[in-house]
């Protein structure tokens, strides 16, 4: 399993979450197996998102979709540039 890890500041969680929810079908069609949304206790205007895929290639393809089709939209409530990484597990206990 590979994970697309995304972190970024947002202007409003409710607006961001609504935008995230609108892409549920696209995530499913793109191979997202599951997701986790987290935010720091000290900063409700910062999001940490992990999207799980079967392969790094699927994660990379979805990242390209986000960069070219989603993050350019003002409806996403992004308040800064996302930081991303495609991760593969090394160890879990």
N, C-alpha and C. Protein backbone atom coordinates (compact mmCIF):
# COMPACT_ATOMS: atom_id res chain seq x y z
N UNK A 1 0.84 -1.17 0.00
CA UNK A 1 0.00 0.00 0.00
C UNK A 1 0.89 1.24 0.00
N UNK A 2 0.46 2.25 -0.72
CA UNK A 2 1.14 3.54 -0.76
C UNK A 2 0.19 4.61 -0.24
N UNK A 3 0.76 5.64 0.34
CA UNK A 3 -0.05 6.73 0.88
C UNK A 3 0.38 8.05 0.27
N UNK A 4 -0.60 8.80 -0.21
CA UNK A 4 -0.36 10.17 -0.62
C UNK A 4 -0.61 11.03 0.61
N UNK A 5 0.45 11.62 1.14
CA UNK A 5 0.40 12.44 2.34
C UNK A 5 0.36 13.90 1.90
N UNK A 6 -0.63 14.64 2.41
CA UNK A 6 -0.83 16.04 2.02
C UNK A 6 -1.00 16.86 3.28
N UNK A 7 -0.31 18.00 3.33
CA UNK A 7 -0.46 18.95 4.43
C UNK A 7 -0.63 20.33 3.85
N UNK A 8 -1.57 21.09 4.39
CA UNK A 8 -1.69 22.48 3.95
C UNK A 8 -2.58 23.30 4.87
N UNK A 9 -2.33 24.61 4.90
CA UNK A 9 -3.21 25.50 5.64
C UNK A 9 -4.51 25.69 4.86
N UNK A 10 -5.59 25.93 5.59
CA UNK A 10 -6.89 26.19 4.96
C UNK A 10 -7.48 27.46 5.56
N UNK A 11 -8.43 28.04 4.84
CA UNK A 11 -9.08 29.24 5.36
C UNK A 11 -10.29 28.91 6.22
N UNK A 12 -10.95 27.77 5.92
CA UNK A 12 -12.17 27.42 6.63
C UNK A 12 -12.38 25.90 6.51
N UNK A 13 -12.49 25.19 7.62
CA UNK A 13 -12.62 23.74 7.56
C UNK A 13 -13.93 23.31 6.91
N UNK A 14 -15.03 23.97 7.21
CA UNK A 14 -16.33 23.59 6.66
C UNK A 14 -16.32 23.68 5.14
N UNK A 15 -15.75 24.75 4.60
CA UNK A 15 -15.66 24.90 3.14
C UNK A 15 -14.73 23.85 2.57
N UNK A 16 -13.57 23.64 3.22
CA UNK A 16 -12.63 22.63 2.73
C UNK A 16 -13.26 21.25 2.73
N UNK A 17 -13.96 20.89 3.81
CA UNK A 17 -14.57 19.56 3.93
C UNK A 17 -15.66 19.36 2.87
N UNK A 18 -16.43 20.39 2.60
CA UNK A 18 -17.45 20.29 1.56
C UNK A 18 -16.81 20.03 0.20
N UNK A 19 -15.71 20.71 -0.08
CA UNK A 19 -14.99 20.49 -1.34
C UNK A 19 -14.42 19.08 -1.38
N UNK A 20 -13.85 18.63 -0.29
CA UNK A 20 -13.31 17.27 -0.20
C UNK A 20 -14.41 16.24 -0.46
N UNK A 21 -15.56 16.42 0.15
CA UNK A 21 -16.67 15.48 0.00
C UNK A 21 -17.20 15.43 -1.43
N UNK A 22 -17.16 16.56 -2.15
CA UNK A 22 -17.63 16.57 -3.55
C UNK A 22 -16.82 15.65 -4.44
N UNK A 23 -15.60 15.31 -4.05
CA UNK A 23 -14.73 14.47 -4.86
C UNK A 23 -14.70 13.01 -4.40
N UNK A 24 -15.67 12.58 -3.61
CA UNK A 24 -15.69 11.20 -3.10
C UNK A 24 -15.71 10.18 -4.24
N UNK A 25 -16.53 10.39 -5.23
CA UNK A 25 -16.61 9.45 -6.36
C UNK A 25 -15.31 9.43 -7.16
N UNK A 26 -14.70 10.58 -7.33
CA UNK A 26 -13.43 10.66 -8.06
C UNK A 26 -12.34 9.91 -7.30
N UNK A 27 -12.32 10.07 -5.97
CA UNK A 27 -11.33 9.34 -5.17
C UNK A 27 -11.52 7.84 -5.34
N UNK A 28 -12.74 7.38 -5.28
CA UNK A 28 -13.03 5.96 -5.43
C UNK A 28 -12.59 5.45 -6.81
N UNK A 29 -12.92 6.18 -7.86
CA UNK A 29 -12.54 5.80 -9.22
C UNK A 29 -11.03 5.86 -9.43
N UNK A 30 -10.35 6.67 -8.64
CA UNK A 30 -8.89 6.83 -8.79
C UNK A 30 -8.11 5.83 -7.96
N UNK A 31 -8.80 4.97 -7.23
CA UNK A 31 -8.12 3.93 -6.48
C UNK A 31 -7.85 4.22 -5.02
N UNK A 32 -8.44 5.29 -4.48
CA UNK A 32 -8.25 5.58 -3.06
C UNK A 32 -8.95 4.49 -2.25
N UNK A 33 -8.18 3.80 -1.40
CA UNK A 33 -8.71 2.70 -0.58
C UNK A 33 -9.23 3.17 0.77
N UNK A 34 -8.74 4.30 1.22
CA UNK A 34 -9.15 4.85 2.51
C UNK A 34 -8.47 6.19 2.71
N UNK A 35 -8.95 6.95 3.68
CA UNK A 35 -8.32 8.24 3.97
C UNK A 35 -8.40 8.54 5.46
N UNK A 36 -7.50 9.42 5.88
CA UNK A 36 -7.48 9.94 7.23
C UNK A 36 -7.31 11.45 7.15
N UNK A 37 -8.19 12.18 7.82
CA UNK A 37 -8.09 13.64 7.91
C UNK A 37 -7.73 13.96 9.35
N UNK A 38 -6.67 14.72 9.52
CA UNK A 38 -6.24 15.12 10.86
C UNK A 38 -5.88 16.60 10.83
N UNK A 39 -5.83 17.18 11.99
CA UNK A 39 -5.32 18.55 12.10
C UNK A 39 -4.68 18.72 13.47
N UNK A 40 -3.71 19.61 13.54
CA UNK A 40 -3.06 19.84 14.83
C UNK A 40 -4.06 20.42 15.84
N UNK A 41 -3.94 19.99 17.06
CA UNK A 41 -4.81 20.49 18.13
C UNK A 41 -4.66 22.01 18.25
N UNK A 42 -3.46 22.48 18.02
CA UNK A 42 -3.18 23.91 18.19
C UNK A 42 -3.49 24.76 16.96
N UNK A 43 -3.91 24.15 15.85
CA UNK A 43 -4.16 24.92 14.63
C UNK A 43 -5.30 24.33 13.82
N UNK A 44 -6.54 24.76 14.07
CA UNK A 44 -7.68 24.22 13.35
C UNK A 44 -7.73 24.64 11.87
N UNK A 45 -6.80 25.50 11.48
CA UNK A 45 -6.77 25.94 10.08
C UNK A 45 -5.61 25.30 9.31
N UNK A 46 -5.25 24.08 9.71
CA UNK A 46 -4.21 23.32 9.04
C UNK A 46 -4.70 21.89 8.93
N UNK A 47 -4.55 21.28 7.76
CA UNK A 47 -5.06 19.94 7.49
C UNK A 47 -3.90 19.00 7.17
N UNK A 48 -3.98 17.79 7.69
CA UNK A 48 -3.07 16.70 7.33
C UNK A 48 -3.97 15.59 6.79
N UNK A 49 -3.74 15.19 5.55
CA UNK A 49 -4.60 14.23 4.87
C UNK A 49 -3.76 13.09 4.32
N UNK A 50 -4.16 11.87 4.60
CA UNK A 50 -3.50 10.69 4.05
C UNK A 50 -4.52 9.92 3.21
N UNK A 51 -4.16 9.67 1.95
CA UNK A 51 -4.99 8.90 1.02
C UNK A 51 -4.23 7.62 0.68
N UNK A 52 -4.85 6.47 0.90
CA UNK A 52 -4.19 5.18 0.68
C UNK A 52 -4.54 4.61 -0.70
N UNK A 53 -3.51 4.08 -1.37
CA UNK A 53 -3.63 3.48 -2.70
C UNK A 53 -2.92 2.14 -2.71
N UNK A 54 -3.22 1.33 -3.73
CA UNK A 54 -2.53 0.05 -3.89
C UNK A 54 -1.10 0.22 -4.39
N UNK A 55 -0.82 1.32 -5.11
CA UNK A 55 0.52 1.48 -5.69
C UNK A 55 0.96 2.94 -5.70
N UNK A 56 2.27 3.17 -5.78
CA UNK A 56 2.78 4.54 -5.90
C UNK A 56 2.31 5.20 -7.20
N UNK A 57 2.14 4.43 -8.27
CA UNK A 57 1.69 4.99 -9.55
C UNK A 57 0.28 5.58 -9.43
N UNK A 58 -0.60 4.88 -8.72
CA UNK A 58 -1.96 5.41 -8.51
C UNK A 58 -1.91 6.69 -7.68
N UNK A 59 -1.08 6.69 -6.65
CA UNK A 59 -0.95 7.89 -5.81
C UNK A 59 -0.41 9.06 -6.62
N UNK A 60 0.57 8.81 -7.48
CA UNK A 60 1.15 9.87 -8.30
C UNK A 60 0.13 10.41 -9.30
N UNK A 61 -0.66 9.53 -9.89
CA UNK A 61 -1.68 9.97 -10.84
C UNK A 61 -2.73 10.84 -10.14
N UNK A 62 -3.12 10.46 -8.93
CA UNK A 62 -4.10 11.26 -8.21
C UNK A 62 -3.51 12.60 -7.78
N UNK A 63 -2.25 12.60 -7.39
CA UNK A 63 -1.58 13.86 -7.04
C UNK A 63 -1.59 14.80 -8.24
N UNK A 64 -1.31 14.28 -9.42
CA UNK A 64 -1.34 15.13 -10.62
C UNK A 64 -2.74 15.69 -10.84
N UNK A 65 -3.77 14.88 -10.64
CA UNK A 65 -5.15 15.35 -10.75
C UNK A 65 -5.40 16.49 -9.76
N UNK A 66 -4.97 16.32 -8.52
CA UNK A 66 -5.17 17.37 -7.52
C UNK A 66 -4.47 18.66 -7.93
N UNK A 67 -3.24 18.54 -8.38
CA UNK A 67 -2.46 19.72 -8.74
C UNK A 67 -3.05 20.47 -9.93
N UNK A 68 -3.55 19.75 -10.91
CA UNK A 68 -4.00 20.40 -12.14
C UNK A 68 -5.49 20.73 -12.17
N UNK A 69 -6.31 19.99 -11.42
CA UNK A 69 -7.75 20.17 -11.54
C UNK A 69 -8.44 20.65 -10.27
N UNK A 70 -7.84 20.39 -9.10
CA UNK A 70 -8.55 20.69 -7.85
C UNK A 70 -7.96 21.91 -7.15
N UNK A 71 -6.68 21.89 -6.91
CA UNK A 71 -6.07 22.94 -6.09
C UNK A 71 -6.08 24.30 -6.76
N UNK A 72 -6.32 24.37 -8.03
CA UNK A 72 -6.40 25.65 -8.71
C UNK A 72 -7.77 26.32 -8.53
N UNK A 73 -8.73 25.60 -7.95
CA UNK A 73 -10.08 26.12 -7.75
C UNK A 73 -10.18 26.92 -6.45
N UNK A 74 -10.82 28.09 -6.48
CA UNK A 74 -10.97 28.87 -5.25
C UNK A 74 -11.92 28.23 -4.24
N UNK A 75 -12.71 27.25 -4.66
CA UNK A 75 -13.69 26.61 -3.77
C UNK A 75 -13.06 25.63 -2.78
N UNK A 76 -11.77 25.37 -2.88
CA UNK A 76 -11.14 24.38 -2.01
C UNK A 76 -10.76 24.94 -0.65
N UNK A 77 -10.76 26.25 -0.48
CA UNK A 77 -10.42 26.92 0.78
C UNK A 77 -8.96 26.76 1.16
N UNK A 78 -8.10 26.49 0.18
CA UNK A 78 -6.66 26.43 0.49
C UNK A 78 -6.16 27.82 0.84
N UNK A 79 -5.31 27.88 1.84
CA UNK A 79 -4.75 29.16 2.27
C UNK A 79 -3.24 29.17 2.08
N UNK A 80 -2.72 28.23 1.33
CA UNK A 80 -1.28 28.14 1.08
C UNK A 80 -1.01 26.94 0.20
N UNK A 81 0.24 26.80 -0.19
CA UNK A 81 0.62 25.70 -1.07
C UNK A 81 0.69 24.38 -0.30
N UNK A 82 0.06 23.34 -0.83
CA UNK A 82 0.14 22.02 -0.18
C UNK A 82 1.55 21.45 -0.24
N UNK A 83 1.92 20.75 0.82
CA UNK A 83 3.15 19.94 0.84
C UNK A 83 2.70 18.50 0.68
N UNK A 84 3.37 17.77 -0.20
CA UNK A 84 2.95 16.40 -0.47
C UNK A 84 4.14 15.45 -0.47
N UNK A 85 3.83 14.18 -0.22
CA UNK A 85 4.81 13.11 -0.34
C UNK A 85 4.05 11.81 -0.59
N UNK A 86 4.62 10.96 -1.41
CA UNK A 86 4.07 9.63 -1.60
C UNK A 86 4.90 8.69 -0.74
N UNK A 87 4.23 8.01 0.18
CA UNK A 87 4.91 7.19 1.20
C UNK A 87 4.61 5.73 1.00
N UNK A 88 5.59 4.90 1.35
CA UNK A 88 5.40 3.45 1.39
C UNK A 88 5.73 2.99 2.81
N UNK A 89 4.97 2.04 3.33
CA UNK A 89 5.23 1.59 4.70
C UNK A 89 6.56 0.83 4.82
N UNK A 90 7.22 1.06 5.91
CA UNK A 90 8.45 0.33 6.23
C UNK A 90 8.17 -0.63 7.39
N UNK A 91 7.45 -0.13 8.39
CA UNK A 91 7.13 -0.95 9.55
C UNK A 91 5.88 -0.40 10.23
N UNK A 92 5.04 -1.28 10.69
CA UNK A 92 3.87 -0.89 11.49
C UNK A 92 3.74 -1.92 12.62
N UNK A 93 3.44 -1.44 13.80
CA UNK A 93 3.24 -2.33 14.95
C UNK A 93 1.93 -2.03 15.58
